Amino acid sequence: MAHPVDVHVGKRIRHRRWLVGMTQQQLAEHVGIKFQQIQKYETGANRVSASRLWDIADALDVPVSFFFEGIESEAEDVAEKAESIPADILGDKEALDLVRSYYAIPENQRRRLFELARVLSDVA
């Protein structure tokens, strides 16, 4: 069984890869491994070594710490979020398109859109 930290890191790798519009094959080529290994990292089936995580962070243009963000609160939030959010929301093409579009908006407008969405979700 995969360790929860490995699963979290894998999800963060997939999340960032999708946000930048990179395929598993492209990431694998940049890092110098086969795409099947990226698949195993993203599912948490294989643990990512420190040096490989460093290379992946470089390829995805994020600090290594990005892959560990939210891990402390993840366990607390799992029960709450499980009821309202699909298990693999970024596996949904519509959700992925929405996230990409969101990040294409200039930052100041993006913050206002985020606040609007938060208010609307509180009202719903």
PDB file of N, CA and C in Angstrom:
ATOM      1  N   MET A   1       0.845  -1.195   0.000  1.00  0.00           N
ATOM      2  CA  MET A   1       0.000   0.000   0.000  1.00  0.00           C
ATOM      3  C   MET A   1       0.883   1.248   0.000  1.00  0.00           C
ATOM      4  N   ALA A   2       0.477   2.237  -0.777  1.00  0.00           N
ATOM      5  CA  ALA A   2       1.262   3.464  -0.907  1.00  0.00           C
ATOM      6  C   ALA A   2       1.177   4.304   0.367  1.00  0.00           C
ATOM      7  N   HIS A   3       2.281   4.929   0.699  1.00  0.00           N
ATOM      8  CA  HIS A   3       2.334   5.818   1.859  1.00  0.00           C
ATOM      9  C   HIS A   3       1.583   7.111   1.520  1.00  0.00           C
ATOM     10  N   PRO A   4       0.813   7.665   2.448  1.00  0.00           N
ATOM     11  CA  PRO A   4       0.042   8.885   2.176  1.00  0.00           C
ATOM     12  C   PRO A   4       0.899  10.062   1.679  1.00  0.00           C
ATOM     13  N   VAL A   5       2.127  10.164   2.139  1.00  0.00           N
ATOM     14  CA  VAL A   5       2.996  11.253   1.677  1.00  0.00           C
ATOM     15  C   VAL A   5       3.358  11.042   0.208  1.00  0.00           C
ATOM     16  N   ASP A   6       3.631   9.806  -0.181  1.00  0.00           N
ATOM     17  CA  ASP A   6       3.949   9.517  -1.583  1.00  0.00           C
ATOM     18  C   ASP A   6       2.750   9.824  -2.482  1.00  0.00           C
ATOM     19  N   VAL A   7       1.569   9.507  -2.012  1.00  0.00           N
ATOM     20  CA  VAL A   7       0.348   9.795  -2.766  1.00  0.00           C
ATOM     21  C   VAL A   7       0.161  11.308  -2.907  1.00  0.00           C
ATOM     22  N   HIS A   8       0.377  12.043  -1.822  1.00  0.00           N
ATOM     23  CA  HIS A   8       0.235  13.496  -1.853  1.00  0.00           C
ATOM     24  C   HIS A   8       1.225  14.120  -2.837  1.00  0.00           C
ATOM     25  N   VAL A   9       2.489  13.710  -2.762  1.00  0.00           N
ATOM     26  CA  VAL A   9       3.513  14.240  -3.666  1.00  0.00           C
ATOM     27  C   VAL A   9       3.140  13.911  -5.110  1.00  0.00           C
ATOM     28  N   GLY A  10       2.689  12.706  -5.344  1.00  0.00           N
ATOM     29  CA  GLY A  10       2.279  12.309  -6.696  1.00  0.00           C
ATOM     30  C   GLY A  10       1.135  13.150  -7.228  1.00  0.00           C
ATOM     31  N   LYS A  11       0.162  13.424  -6.388  1.00  0.00           N
ATOM     32  CA  LYS A  11      -0.962  14.272  -6.794  1.00  0.00           C
ATOM     33  C   LYS A  11      -0.488  15.678  -7.139  1.00  0.00           C
ATOM     34  N   ARG A  12       0.452  16.183  -6.346  1.00  0.00           N
ATOM     35  CA  ARG A  12       0.978  17.531  -6.603  1.00  0.00           C
ATOM     36  C   ARG A  12       1.779  17.565  -7.904  1.00  0.00           C
ATOM     37  N   ILE A  13       2.505  16.485  -8.213  1.00  0.00           N
ATOM     38  CA  ILE A  13       3.226  16.410  -9.490  1.00  0.00           C
ATOM     39  C   ILE A  13       2.219  16.467 -10.631  1.00  0.00           C
ATOM     40  N   ARG A  14       1.185  15.636 -10.559  1.00  0.00           N
ATOM     41  CA  ARG A  14       0.160  15.599 -11.611  1.00  0.00           C
ATOM     42  C   ARG A  14      -0.536  16.949 -11.728  1.00  0.00           C
ATOM     43  N   HIS A  15      -0.886  17.526 -10.591  1.00  0.00           N
ATOM     44  CA  HIS A  15      -1.569  18.817 -10.562  1.00  0.00           C
ATOM     45  C   HIS A  15      -0.754  19.885 -11.304  1.00  0.00           C
ATOM     46  N   ARG A  16       0.504  20.001 -10.960  1.00  0.00           N
ATOM     47  CA  ARG A  16       1.353  21.017 -11.589  1.00  0.00           C
ATOM     48  C   ARG A  16       1.583  20.711 -13.066  1.00  0.00           C
ATOM     49  N   ARG A  17       1.794  19.439 -13.396  1.00  0.00           N
ATOM     50  CA  ARG A  17       2.014  19.057 -14.787  1.00  0.00           C
ATOM     51  C   ARG A  17       0.812  19.437 -15.641  1.00  0.00           C
ATOM     52  N   TRP A  18      -0.385  19.191 -15.133  1.00  0.00           N
ATOM     53  CA  TRP A  18      -1.596  19.553 -15.863  1.00  0.00           C
ATOM     54  C   TRP A  18      -1.743  21.061 -15.986  1.00  0.00           C
ATOM     55  N   LEU A  19      -1.423  21.775 -14.923  1.00  0.00           N
ATOM     56  CA  LEU A  19      -1.563  23.236 -14.968  1.00  0.00           C
ATOM     57  C   LEU A  19      -0.674  23.870 -16.030  1.00  0.00           C
ATOM     58  N   VAL A  20       0.514  23.319 -16.220  1.00  0.00           N
ATOM     59  CA  VAL A  20       1.413  23.875 -17.227  1.00  0.00           C
ATOM     60  C   VAL A  20       1.177  23.254 -18.600  1.00  0.00           C
ATOM     61  N   GLY A  21       0.241  22.308 -18.688  1.00  0.00           N
ATOM     62  CA  GLY A  21      -0.100  21.707 -19.975  1.00  0.00           C
ATOM     63  C   GLY A  21       0.949  20.749 -20.510  1.00  0.00           C
ATOM     64  N   MET A  22       1.644  20.070 -19.618  1.00  0.00           N
ATOM     65  CA  MET A  22       2.706  19.143 -20.010  1.00  0.00           C
ATOM     66  C   MET A  22       2.181  17.715 -19.926  1.00  0.00           C
ATOM     67  N   THR A  23       2.544  16.894 -20.897  1.00  0.00           N
ATOM     68  CA  THR A  23       2.151  15.489 -20.859  1.00  0.00           C
ATOM     69  C   THR A  23       3.128  14.710 -19.987  1.00  0.00           C
ATOM     70  N   GLN A  24       2.728  13.498 -19.623  1.00  0.00           N
ATOM     71  CA  GLN A  24       3.631  12.635 -18.867  1.00  0.00           C
ATOM     72  C   GLN A  24       4.886  12.348 -19.688  1.00  0.00           C
ATOM     73  N   GLN A  25       4.712  12.169 -20.980  1.00  0.00           N
ATOM     74  CA  GLN A  25       5.847  11.895 -21.861  1.00  0.00           C
ATOM     75  C   GLN A  25       6.830  13.065 -21.872  1.00  0.00           C
ATOM     76  N   GLN A  26       6.304  14.283 -21.978  1.00  0.00           N
ATOM     77  CA  GLN A  26       7.175  15.463 -21.996  1.00  0.00           C
ATOM     78  C   GLN A  26       7.946  15.607 -20.686  1.00  0.00           C
ATOM     79  N   LEU A  27       7.253  15.407 -19.568  1.00  0.00           N
ATOM     80  CA  LEU A  27       7.924  15.497 -18.271  1.00  0.00           C
ATOM     81  C   LEU A  27       8.992  14.414 -18.154  1.00  0.00           C
ATOM     82  N   ALA A  28       8.649  13.213 -18.566  1.00  0.00           N
ATOM     83  CA  ALA A  28       9.599  12.105 -18.497  1.00  0.00           C
ATOM     84  C   ALA A  28      10.848  12.402 -19.325  1.00  0.00           C
ATOM     85  N   GLU A  29      10.665  12.938 -20.516  1.00  0.00           N
ATOM     86  CA  GLU A  29      11.814  13.264 -21.367  1.00  0.00           C
ATOM     87  C   GLU A  29      12.684  14.341 -20.732  1.00  0.00           C
ATOM     88  N   HIS A  30      12.049  15.326 -20.128  1.00  0.00           N
ATOM     89  CA  HIS A  30      12.810  16.406 -19.487  1.00  0.00           C
ATOM     90  C   HIS A  30      13.640  15.881 -18.315  1.00  0.00           C
ATOM     91  N   VAL A  31      13.076  14.897 -17.596  1.00  0.00           N
ATOM     92  CA  VAL A  31      13.729  14.360 -16.409  1.00  0.00           C
ATOM     93  C   VAL A  31      14.684  13.210 -16.763  1.00  0.00           C
ATOM     94  N   GLY A  32      14.486  12.596 -17.953  1.00  0.00           N
ATOM     95  CA  GLY A  32      15.357  11.512 -18.378  1.00  0.00           C
ATOM     96  C   GLY A  32      14.913  10.136 -17.924  1.00  0.00           C
ATOM     97  N   ILE A  33      13.588   9.932 -17.858  1.00  0.00           N
ATOM     98  CA  ILE A  33      13.036   8.627 -17.466  1.00  0.00           C
ATOM     99  C   ILE A  33      11.906   8.269 -18.429  1.00  0.00           C
ATOM    100  N   LYS A  34      11.307   7.113 -18.248  1.00  0.00           N
ATOM    101  CA  LYS A  34      10.180   6.694 -19.083  1.00  0.00           C
ATOM    102  C   LYS A  34       8.872   7.231 -18.492  1.00  0.00           C
ATOM    103  N   PHE A  35       7.900   7.463 -19.370  1.00  0.00           N
ATOM    104  CA  PHE A  35       6.645   8.043 -18.905  1.00  0.00           C
ATOM    105  C   PHE A  35       5.921   7.131 -17.925  1.00  0.00           C
ATOM    106  N   GLN A  36       6.145   5.819 -18.010  1.00  0.00           N
ATOM    107  CA  GLN A  36       5.505   4.896 -17.070  1.00  0.00           C
ATOM    108  C   GLN A  36       5.942   5.187 -15.636  1.00  0.00           C
ATOM    109  N   GLN A  37       7.189   5.646 -15.489  1.00  0.00           N
ATOM    110  CA  GLN A  37       7.674   5.983 -14.155  1.00  0.00           C
ATOM    111  C   GLN A  37       6.934   7.203 -13.617  1.00  0.00           C
ATOM    112  N   ILE A  38       6.671   8.175 -14.491  1.00  0.00           N
ATOM    113  CA  ILE A  38       5.887   9.353 -14.086  1.00  0.00           C
ATOM    114  C   ILE A  38       4.501   8.900 -13.632  1.00  0.00           C
ATOM    115  N   GLN A  39       3.901   7.970 -14.370  1.00  0.00           N
ATOM    116  CA  GLN A  39       2.586   7.442 -13.974  1.00  0.00           C
ATOM    117  C   GLN A  39       2.643   6.857 -12.566  1.00  0.00           C
ATOM    118  N   LYS A  40       3.676   6.098 -12.291  1.00  0.00           N
ATOM    119  CA  LYS A  40       3.808   5.459 -10.976  1.00  0.00           C
ATOM    120  C   LYS A  40       4.029   6.496  -9.880  1.00  0.00           C
ATOM    121  N   TYR A  41       4.798   7.546 -10.185  1.00  0.00           N
ATOM    122  CA  TYR A  41       4.986   8.623  -9.209  1.00  0.00           C
ATOM    123  C   TYR A  41       3.652   9.309  -8.921  1.00  0.00           C
ATOM    124  N   GLU A  42       2.899   9.601  -9.982  1.00  0.00           N
ATOM    125  CA  GLU A  42       1.656  10.355  -9.823  1.00  0.00           C
ATOM    126  C   GLU A  42       0.591   9.591  -9.044  1.00  0.00           C
ATOM    127  N   THR A  43       0.623   8.291  -9.091  1.00  0.00           N
ATOM    128  CA  THR A  43      -0.348   7.501  -8.322  1.00  0.00           C
ATOM    129  C   THR A  43       0.145   7.185  -6.922  1.00  0.00           C
ATOM    130  N   GLY A  44       1.419   7.446  -6.672  1.00  0.00           N
ATOM    131  CA  GLY A  44       1.991   7.117  -5.375  1.00  0.00           C
ATOM    132  C   GLY A  44       2.458   5.679  -5.298  1.00  0.00           C
ATOM    133  N   ALA A  45       2.375   4.953  -6.418  1.00  0.00           N
ATOM    134  CA  ALA A  45       2.809   3.558  -6.430  1.00  0.00           C
ATOM    135  C   ALA A  45       4.311   3.451  -6.215  1.00  0.00           C
ATOM    136  N   ASN A  46       5.061   4.427  -6.749  1.00  0.00           N
ATOM    137  CA  ASN A  46       6.516   4.468  -6.536  1.00  0.00           C
ATOM    138  C   ASN A  46       6.873   5.754  -5.815  1.00  0.00           C
ATOM    139  N   ARG A  47       7.805   5.641  -4.915  1.00  0.00           N
ATOM    140  CA  ARG A  47       8.300   6.788  -4.150  1.00  0.00           C
ATOM    141  C   ARG A  47       9.296   7.568  -5.007  1.00  0.00           C
ATOM    142  N   VAL A  48       9.211   8.894  -4.959  1.00  0.00           N
ATOM    143  CA  VAL A  48      10.115   9.757  -5.713  1.00  0.00           C
ATOM    144  C   VAL A  48      11.341  10.053  -4.854  1.00  0.00           C
ATOM    145  N   SER A  49      12.522   9.770  -5.384  1.00  0.00           N
ATOM    146  CA  SER A  49      13.746  10.072  -4.635  1.00  0.00           C
ATOM    147  C   SER A  49      13.940  11.586  -4.583  1.00  0.00           C
ATOM    148  N   ALA A  50      14.766  12.030  -3.667  1.00  0.00           N
ATOM    149  CA  ALA A  50      15.014  13.464  -3.499  1.00  0.00           C
ATOM    150  C   ALA A  50      15.606  14.073  -4.763  1.00  0.00           C
ATOM    151  N   SER A  51      16.569  13.405  -5.364  1.00  0.00           N
ATOM    152  CA  SER A  51      17.198  13.955  -6.572  1.00  0.00           C
ATOM    153  C   SER A  51      16.220  13.994  -7.739  1.00  0.00           C
ATOM    154  N   ARG A  52      15.370  12.975  -7.850  1.00  0.00           N
ATOM    155  CA  ARG A  52      14.379  12.958  -8.928  1.00  0.00           C
ATOM    156  C   ARG A  52      13.325  14.040  -8.690  1.00  0.00           C
ATOM    157  N   LEU A  53      12.929  14.239  -7.434  1.00  0.00           N
ATOM    158  CA  LEU A  53      11.963  15.289  -7.124  1.00  0.00           C
ATOM    159  C   LEU A  53      12.550  16.657  -7.471  1.00  0.00           C
ATOM    160  N   TRP A  54      13.828  16.816  -7.228  1.00  0.00           N
ATOM    161  CA  TRP A  54      14.525  18.064  -7.586  1.00  0.00           C
ATOM    162  C   TRP A  54      14.427  18.297  -9.097  1.00  0.00           C
ATOM    163  N   ASP A  55      14.680  17.246  -9.890  1.00  0.00           N
ATOM    164  CA  ASP A  55      14.615  17.357 -11.348  1.00  0.00           C
ATOM    165  C   ASP A  55      13.189  17.649 -11.822  1.00  0.00           C
ATOM    166  N   ILE A  56      12.218  17.014 -11.193  1.00  0.00           N
ATOM    167  CA  ILE A  56      10.814  17.238 -11.565  1.00  0.00           C
ATOM    168  C   ILE A  56      10.411  18.672 -11.231  1.00  0.00           C
ATOM    169  N   ALA A  57      10.839  19.158 -10.071  1.00  0.00           N
ATOM    170  CA  ALA A  57      10.538  20.542  -9.687  1.00  0.00           C
ATOM    171  C   ALA A  57      11.131  21.520 -10.699  1.00  0.00           C
ATOM    172  N   ASP A  58      12.346  21.242 -11.147  1.00  0.00           N
ATOM    173  CA  ASP A  58      12.994  22.090 -12.153  1.00  0.00           C
ATOM    174  C   ASP A  58      12.211  22.065 -13.463  1.00  0.00           C
ATOM    175  N   ALA A  59      11.798  20.880 -13.881  1.00  0.00           N
ATOM    176  CA  ALA A  59      11.047  20.738 -15.131  1.00  0.00           C
ATOM    177  C   ALA A  59       9.702  21.449 -15.071  1.00  0.00           C
ATOM    178  N   LEU A  60       9.088  21.454 -13.888  1.00  0.00           N
ATOM    179  CA  LEU A  60       7.759  22.062 -13.730  1.00  0.00           C
ATOM    180  C   LEU A  60       7.839  23.497 -13.207  1.00  0.00           C
ATOM    181  N   ASP A  61       9.058  23.989 -13.018  1.00  0.00           N
ATOM    182  CA  ASP A  61       9.306  25.370 -12.612  1.00  0.00           C
ATOM    183  C   ASP A  61       8.629  25.739 -11.290  1.00  0.00           C
ATOM    184  N   VAL A  62       8.838  24.870 -10.294  1.00  0.00           N
ATOM    185  CA  VAL A  62       8.342  25.126  -8.942  1.00  0.00           C
ATOM    186  C   VAL A  62       9.432  24.744  -7.945  1.00  0.00           C
ATOM    187  N   PRO A  63       9.392  25.295  -6.730  1.00  0.00           N
ATOM    188  CA  PRO A  63      10.336  24.833  -5.705  1.00  0.00           C
ATOM    189  C   PRO A  63       9.925  23.439  -5.226  1.00  0.00           C
ATOM    190  N   VAL A  64      10.859  22.684  -4.710  1.00  0.00           N
ATOM    191  CA  VAL A  64      10.571  21.339  -4.217  1.00  0.00           C
ATOM    192  C   VAL A  64       9.476  21.377  -3.151  1.00  0.00           C
ATOM    193  N   SER A  65       9.453  22.429  -2.366  1.00  0.00           N
ATOM    194  CA  SER A  65       8.453  22.543  -1.294  1.00  0.00           C
ATOM    195  C   SER A  65       7.019  22.536  -1.833  1.00  0.00           C
ATOM    196  N   PHE A  66       6.836  22.886  -3.103  1.00  0.00           N
ATOM    197  CA  PHE A  66       5.500  22.882  -3.714  1.00  0.00           C
ATOM    198  C   PHE A  66       4.822  21.527  -3.540  1.00  0.00           C
ATOM    199  N   PHE A  67       5.593  20.463  -3.656  1.00  0.00           N
ATOM    200  CA  PHE A  67       5.019  19.118  -3.622  1.00  0.00           C
ATOM    201  C   PHE A  67       4.550  18.697  -2.233  1.00  0.00           C
ATOM    202  N   PHE A  68       4.936  19.457  -1.215  1.00  0.00           N
ATOM    203  CA  PHE A  68       4.542  19.134   0.153  1.00  0.00           C
ATOM    204  C   PHE A  68       3.512  20.115   0.714  1.00  0.00           C
ATOM    205  N   GLU A  69       3.154  21.120  -0.071  1.00  0.00           N
ATOM    206  CA  GLU A  69       2.185  22.113   0.403  1.00  0.00           C
ATOM    207  C   GLU A  69       0.853  21.440   0.695  1.00  0.00           C
ATOM    208  N   GLY A  70       0.260  21.804   1.814  1.00  0.00           N
ATOM    209  CA  GLY A  70      -1.058  21.311   2.185  1.00  0.00           C
ATOM    210  C   GLY A  70      -1.078  19.942   2.815  1.00  0.00           C
ATOM    211  N   ILE A  71       0.072  19.328   2.989  1.00  0.00           N
ATOM    212  CA  ILE A  71       0.089  17.967   3.524  1.00  0.00           C
ATOM    213  C   ILE A  71      -0.360  17.916   4.984  1.00  0.00           C
ATOM    214  N   GLU A  72      -0.067  18.966   5.756  1.00  0.00           N
ATOM    215  CA  GLU A  72      -0.452  18.979   7.168  1.00  0.00           C
ATOM    216  C   GLU A  72      -1.965  19.015   7.326  1.00  0.00           C
ATOM    217  N   SER A  73      -2.604  19.833   6.531  1.00  0.00           N
ATOM    218  CA  SER A  73      -4.050  19.990   6.674  1.00  0.00           C
ATOM    219  C   SER A  73      -4.828  18.977   5.860  1.00  0.00           C
ATOM    220  N   GLU A  74      -4.144  18.234   4.998  1.00  0.00           N
ATOM    221  CA  GLU A  74      -4.848  17.289   4.136  1.00  0.00           C
ATOM    222  C   GLU A  74      -5.631  16.254   4.916  1.00  0.00           C
ATOM    223  N   ALA A  75      -5.035  15.699   5.937  1.00  0.00           N
ATOM    224  CA  ALA A  75      -5.713  14.666   6.722  1.00  0.00           C
ATOM    225  C   ALA A  75      -6.967  15.214   7.391  1.00  0.00           C
ATOM    226  N   GLU A  76      -6.903  16.459   7.858  1.00  0.00           N
ATOM    227  CA  GLU A  76      -8.056  17.065   8.520  1.00  0.00           C
ATOM    228  C   GLU A  76      -9.185  17.361   7.533  1.00  0.00           C
ATOM    229  N   ASP A  77      -8.801  17.718   6.326  1.00  0.00           N
ATOM    230  CA  ASP A  77      -9.790  18.127   5.334  1.00  0.00           C
ATOM    231  C   ASP A  77     -10.415  16.967   4.569  1.00  0.00           C
ATOM    232  N   VAL A  78      -9.795  15.801   4.615  1.00  0.00           N
ATOM    233  CA  VAL A  78     -10.258  14.679   3.805  1.00  0.00           C
ATOM    234  C   VAL A  78     -11.721  14.350   4.075  1.00  0.00           C
ATOM    235  N   ALA A  79     -12.092  14.256   5.323  1.00  0.00           N
ATOM    236  CA  ALA A  79     -13.473  13.887   5.656  1.00  0.00           C
ATOM    237  C   ALA A  79     -14.472  14.926   5.165  1.00  0.00           C
ATOM    238  N   GLU A  80     -14.154  16.210   5.347  1.00  0.00           N
ATOM    239  CA  GLU A  80     -15.054  17.278   4.901  1.00  0.00           C
ATOM    240  C   GLU A  80     -15.207  17.307   3.395  1.00  0.00           C
ATOM    241  N   LYS A  81     -14.088  17.262   2.698  1.00  0.00           N
ATOM    242  CA  LYS A  81     -14.099  17.412   1.247  1.00  0.00           C
ATOM    243  C   LYS A  81     -14.629  16.179   0.530  1.00  0.00           C
ATOM    244  N   ALA A  82     -14.507  15.031   1.128  1.00  0.00           N
ATOM    245  CA  ALA A  82     -14.930  13.794   0.478  1.00  0.00           C
ATOM    246  C   ALA A  82     -16.399  13.831   0.100  1.00  0.00           C
ATOM    247  N   GLU A  83     -17.186  14.551   0.862  1.00  0.00           N
ATOM    248  CA  GLU A  83     -18.618  14.609   0.612  1.00  0.00           C
ATOM    249  C   GLU A  83     -18.970  15.505  -0.573  1.00  0.00           C
ATOM    250  N   SER A  84     -18.205  16.579  -0.807  1.00  0.00           N
ATOM    251  CA  SER A  84     -18.615  17.565  -1.793  1.00  0.00           C
ATOM    252  C   SER A  84     -17.783  17.626  -3.068  1.00  0.00           C
ATOM    253  N   ILE A  85     -16.605  16.999  -3.096  1.00  0.00           N
ATOM    254  CA  ILE A  85     -15.725  17.105  -4.261  1.00  0.00           C
ATOM    255  C   ILE A  85     -15.426  15.711  -4.788  1.00  0.00           C
ATOM    256  N   PRO A  86     -15.499  15.513  -6.118  1.00  0.00           N
ATOM    257  CA  PRO A  86     -15.137  14.206  -6.677  1.00  0.00           C
ATOM    258  C   PRO A  86     -13.708  13.830  -6.309  1.00  0.00           C
ATOM    259  N   ALA A  87     -13.436  12.547  -6.182  1.00  0.00           N
ATOM    260  CA  ALA A  87     -12.125  12.070  -5.733  1.00  0.00           C
ATOM    261  C   ALA A  87     -10.985  12.567  -6.616  1.00  0.00           C
ATOM    262  N   ASP A  88     -11.172  12.607  -7.917  1.00  0.00           N
ATOM    263  CA  ASP A  88     -10.107  13.038  -8.821  1.00  0.00           C
ATOM    264  C   ASP A  88     -10.614  14.194  -9.670  1.00  0.00           C
ATOM    265  N   ILE A  89     -10.808  15.333  -9.026  1.00  0.00           N
ATOM    266  CA  ILE A  89     -11.414  16.471  -9.713  1.00  0.00           C
ATOM    267  C   ILE A  89     -10.598  16.932 -10.914  1.00  0.00           C
ATOM    268  N   LEU A  90      -9.267  16.844 -10.832  1.00  0.00           N
ATOM    269  CA  LEU A  90      -8.455  17.275 -11.972  1.00  0.00           C
ATOM    270  C   LEU A  90      -8.403  16.218 -13.068  1.00  0.00           C
ATOM    271  N   GLY A  91      -9.029  15.079 -12.844  1.00  0.00           N
ATOM    272  CA  GLY A  91      -9.187  14.087 -13.895  1.00  0.00           C
ATOM    273  C   GLY A  91     -10.361  14.439 -14.795  1.00  0.00           C
ATOM    274  N   ASP A  92     -11.158  15.384 -14.370  1.00  0.00           N
ATOM    275  CA  ASP A  92     -12.320  15.859 -15.118  1.00  0.00           C
ATOM    276  C   ASP A  92     -11.856  16.939 -16.092  1.00  0.00           C
ATOM    277  N   LYS A  93     -12.096  16.725 -17.403  1.00  0.00           N
ATOM    278  CA  LYS A  93     -11.619  17.658 -18.417  1.00  0.00           C
ATOM    279  C   LYS A  93     -12.176  19.060 -18.202  1.00  0.00           C
ATOM    280  N   GLU A  94     -13.441  19.166 -17.852  1.00  0.00           N
ATOM    281  CA  GLU A  94     -14.049  20.474 -17.630  1.00  0.00           C
ATOM    282  C   GLU A  94     -13.376  21.207 -16.464  1.00  0.00           C
ATOM    283  N   ALA A  95     -13.100  20.489 -15.389  1.00  0.00           N
ATOM    284  CA  ALA A  95     -12.427  21.102 -14.235  1.00  0.00           C
ATOM    285  C   ALA A  95     -11.019  21.546 -14.616  1.00  0.00           C
ATOM    286  N   LEU A  96     -10.319  20.724 -15.374  1.00  0.00           N
ATOM    287  CA  LEU A  96      -8.974  21.072 -15.820  1.00  0.00           C
ATOM    288  C   LEU A  96      -8.987  22.314 -16.705  1.00  0.00           C
ATOM    289  N   ASP A  97      -9.938  22.374 -17.638  1.00  0.00           N
ATOM    290  CA  ASP A  97     -10.064  23.559 -18.500  1.00  0.00           C
ATOM    291  C   ASP A  97     -10.353  24.803 -17.674  1.00  0.00           C
ATOM    292  N   LEU A  98     -11.191  24.658 -16.658  1.00  0.00           N
ATOM    293  CA  LEU A  98     -11.517  25.777 -15.788  1.00  0.00           C
ATOM    294  C   LEU A  98     -10.280  26.278 -15.047  1.00  0.00           C
ATOM    295  N   VAL A  99      -9.487  25.369 -14.523  1.00  0.00           N
ATOM    296  CA  VAL A  99      -8.279  25.746 -13.787  1.00  0.00           C
ATOM    297  C   VAL A  99      -7.279  26.427 -14.712  1.00  0.00           C
ATOM    298  N   ARG A 100      -7.085  25.884 -15.908  1.00  0.00           N
ATOM    299  CA  ARG A 100      -6.161  26.511 -16.862  1.00  0.00           C
ATOM    300  C   ARG A 100      -6.631  27.913 -17.235  1.00  0.00           C
ATOM    301  N   SER A 101      -7.921  28.058 -17.469  1.00  0.00           N
ATOM    302  CA  SER A 101      -8.469  29.372 -17.815  1.00  0.00           C
ATOM    303  C   SER A 101      -8.289  30.348 -16.663  1.00  0.00           C
ATOM    304  N   TYR A 102      -8.511  29.861 -15.458  1.00  0.00           N
ATOM    305  CA  TYR A 102      -8.356  30.698 -14.264  1.00  0.00           C
ATOM    306  C   TYR A 102      -6.941  31.259 -14.180  1.00  0.00           C
ATOM    307  N   TYR A 103      -5.940  30.403 -14.386  1.00  0.00           N
ATOM    308  CA  TYR A 103      -4.552  30.849 -14.278  1.00  0.00           C
ATOM    309  C   TYR A 103      -4.102  31.690 -15.479  1.00  0.00           C
ATOM    310  N   ALA A 104      -4.901  31.722 -16.543  1.00  0.00           N
ATOM    311  CA  ALA A 104      -4.578  32.571 -17.686  1.00  0.00           C
ATOM    312  C   ALA A 104      -5.044  34.013 -17.455  1.00  0.00           C
ATOM    313  N   ILE A 105      -5.883  34.221 -16.447  1.00  0.00           N
ATOM    314  CA  ILE A 105      -6.397  35.554 -16.111  1.00  0.00           C
ATOM    315  C   ILE A 105      -5.329  36.319 -15.342  1.00  0.00           C
ATOM    316  N   PRO A 106      -5.155  37.617 -15.622  1.00  0.00           N
ATOM    317  CA  PRO A 106      -4.186  38.412 -14.852  1.00  0.00           C
ATOM    318  C   PRO A 106      -4.465  38.314 -13.351  1.00  0.00           C
ATOM    319  N   GLU A 107      -3.394  38.359 -12.558  1.00  0.00           N
ATOM    320  CA  GLU A 107      -3.486  38.074 -11.122  1.00  0.00           C
ATOM    321  C   GLU A 107      -4.497  38.946 -10.378  1.00  0.00           C
ATOM    322  N   ASN A 108      -4.528  40.241 -10.644  1.00  0.00           N
ATOM    323  CA  ASN A 108      -5.457  41.095  -9.897  1.00  0.00           C
ATOM    324  C   ASN A 108      -6.914  40.739 -10.216  1.00  0.00           C
ATOM    325  N   GLN A 109      -7.200  40.415 -11.457  1.00  0.00           N
ATOM    326  CA  GLN A 109      -8.556  40.000 -11.819  1.00  0.00           C
ATOM    327  C   GLN A 109      -8.856  38.605 -11.270  1.00  0.00           C
ATOM    328  N   ARG A 110      -7.838  37.761 -11.237  1.00  0.00           N
ATOM    329  CA  ARG A 110      -8.004  36.405 -10.717  1.00  0.00           C
ATOM    330  C   ARG A 110      -8.404  36.435  -9.251  1.00  0.00           C
ATOM    331  N   ARG A 111      -7.785  37.329  -8.470  1.00  0.00           N
ATOM    332  CA  ARG A 111      -8.141  37.437  -7.050  1.00  0.00           C
ATOM    333  C   ARG A 111      -9.606  37.840  -6.889  1.00  0.00           C
ATOM    334  N   ARG A 112     -10.054  38.785  -7.713  1.00  0.00           N
ATOM    335  CA  ARG A 112     -11.455  39.217  -7.633  1.00  0.00           C
ATOM    336  C   ARG A 112     -12.399  38.087  -8.033  1.00  0.00           C
ATOM    337  N   LEU A 113     -12.035  37.330  -9.061  1.00  0.00           N
ATOM    338  CA  LEU A 113     -12.859  36.195  -9.477  1.00  0.00           C
ATOM    339  C   LEU A 113     -12.922  35.143  -8.371  1.00  0.00           C
ATOM    340  N   PHE A 114     -11.792  34.906  -7.723  1.00  0.00           N
ATOM    341  CA  PHE A 114     -11.742  33.939  -6.629  1.00  0.00           C
ATOM    342  C   PHE A 114     -12.680  34.363  -5.498  1.00  0.00           C
ATOM    343  N   GLU A 115     -12.621  35.635  -5.124  1.00  0.00           N
ATOM    344  CA  GLU A 115     -13.491  36.127  -4.054  1.00  0.00           C
ATOM    345  C   GLU A 115     -14.967  36.015  -4.441  1.00  0.00           C
ATOM    346  N   LEU A 116     -15.272  36.313  -5.696  1.00  0.00           N
ATOM    347  CA  LEU A 116     -16.648  36.166  -6.176  1.00  0.00           C
ATOM    348  C   LEU A 116     -17.095  34.705  -6.061  1.00  0.00           C
ATOM    349  N   ALA A 117     -16.244  33.784  -6.501  1.00  0.00           N
ATOM    350  CA  ALA A 117     -16.589  32.367  -6.431  1.00  0.00           C
ATOM    351  C   ALA A 117     -16.789  31.917  -4.986  1.00  0.00           C
ATOM    352  N   ARG A 118     -15.954  32.424  -4.088  1.00  0.00           N
ATOM    353  CA  ARG A 118     -16.072  32.061  -2.671  1.00  0.00           C
ATOM    354  C   ARG A 118     -17.419  32.563  -2.119  1.00  0.00           C
ATOM    355  N   VAL A 119     -17.794  33.787  -2.446  1.00  0.00           N
ATOM    356  CA  VAL A 119     -19.058  34.335  -1.973  1.00  0.00           C
ATOM    357  C   VAL A 119     -20.230  33.527  -2.547  1.00  0.00           C
ATOM    358  N   LEU A 120     -20.161  33.219  -3.818  1.00  0.00           N
ATOM    359  CA  LEU A 120     -21.241  32.446  -4.436  1.00  0.00           C
ATOM    360  C   LEU A 120     -21.361  31.047  -3.832  1.00  0.00           C
ATOM    361  N   SER A 121     -20.232  30.420  -3.519  1.00  0.00           N
ATOM    362  CA  SER A 121     -20.299  29.082  -2.926  1.00  0.00           C
ATOM    363  C   SER A 121     -20.841  29.129  -1.493  1.00  0.00           C
ATOM    364  N   ASP A 122     -20.589  30.218  -0.788  1.00  0.00           N
ATOM    365  CA  ASP A 122     -21.121  30.374   0.566  1.00  0.00           C
ATOM    366  C   ASP A 122     -22.636  30.557   0.542  1.00  0.00           C
ATOM    367  N   VAL A 123     -23.122  31.206  -0.505  1.00  0.00           N
ATOM    368  CA  VAL A 123     -24.559  31.473  -0.624  1.00  0.00           C
ATOM    369  C   VAL A 123     -25.327  30.221  -1.059  1.00  0.00           C
ATOM    370  N   ALA A 124     -24.668  29.391  -1.876  1.00  0.00           N
ATOM    371  CA  ALA A 124     -25.350  28.201  -2.450  1.00  0.00           C
ATOM    372  C   ALA A 124     -25.748  27.191  -1.409  1.00  0.00           C
TER     373      ALA A 124
END
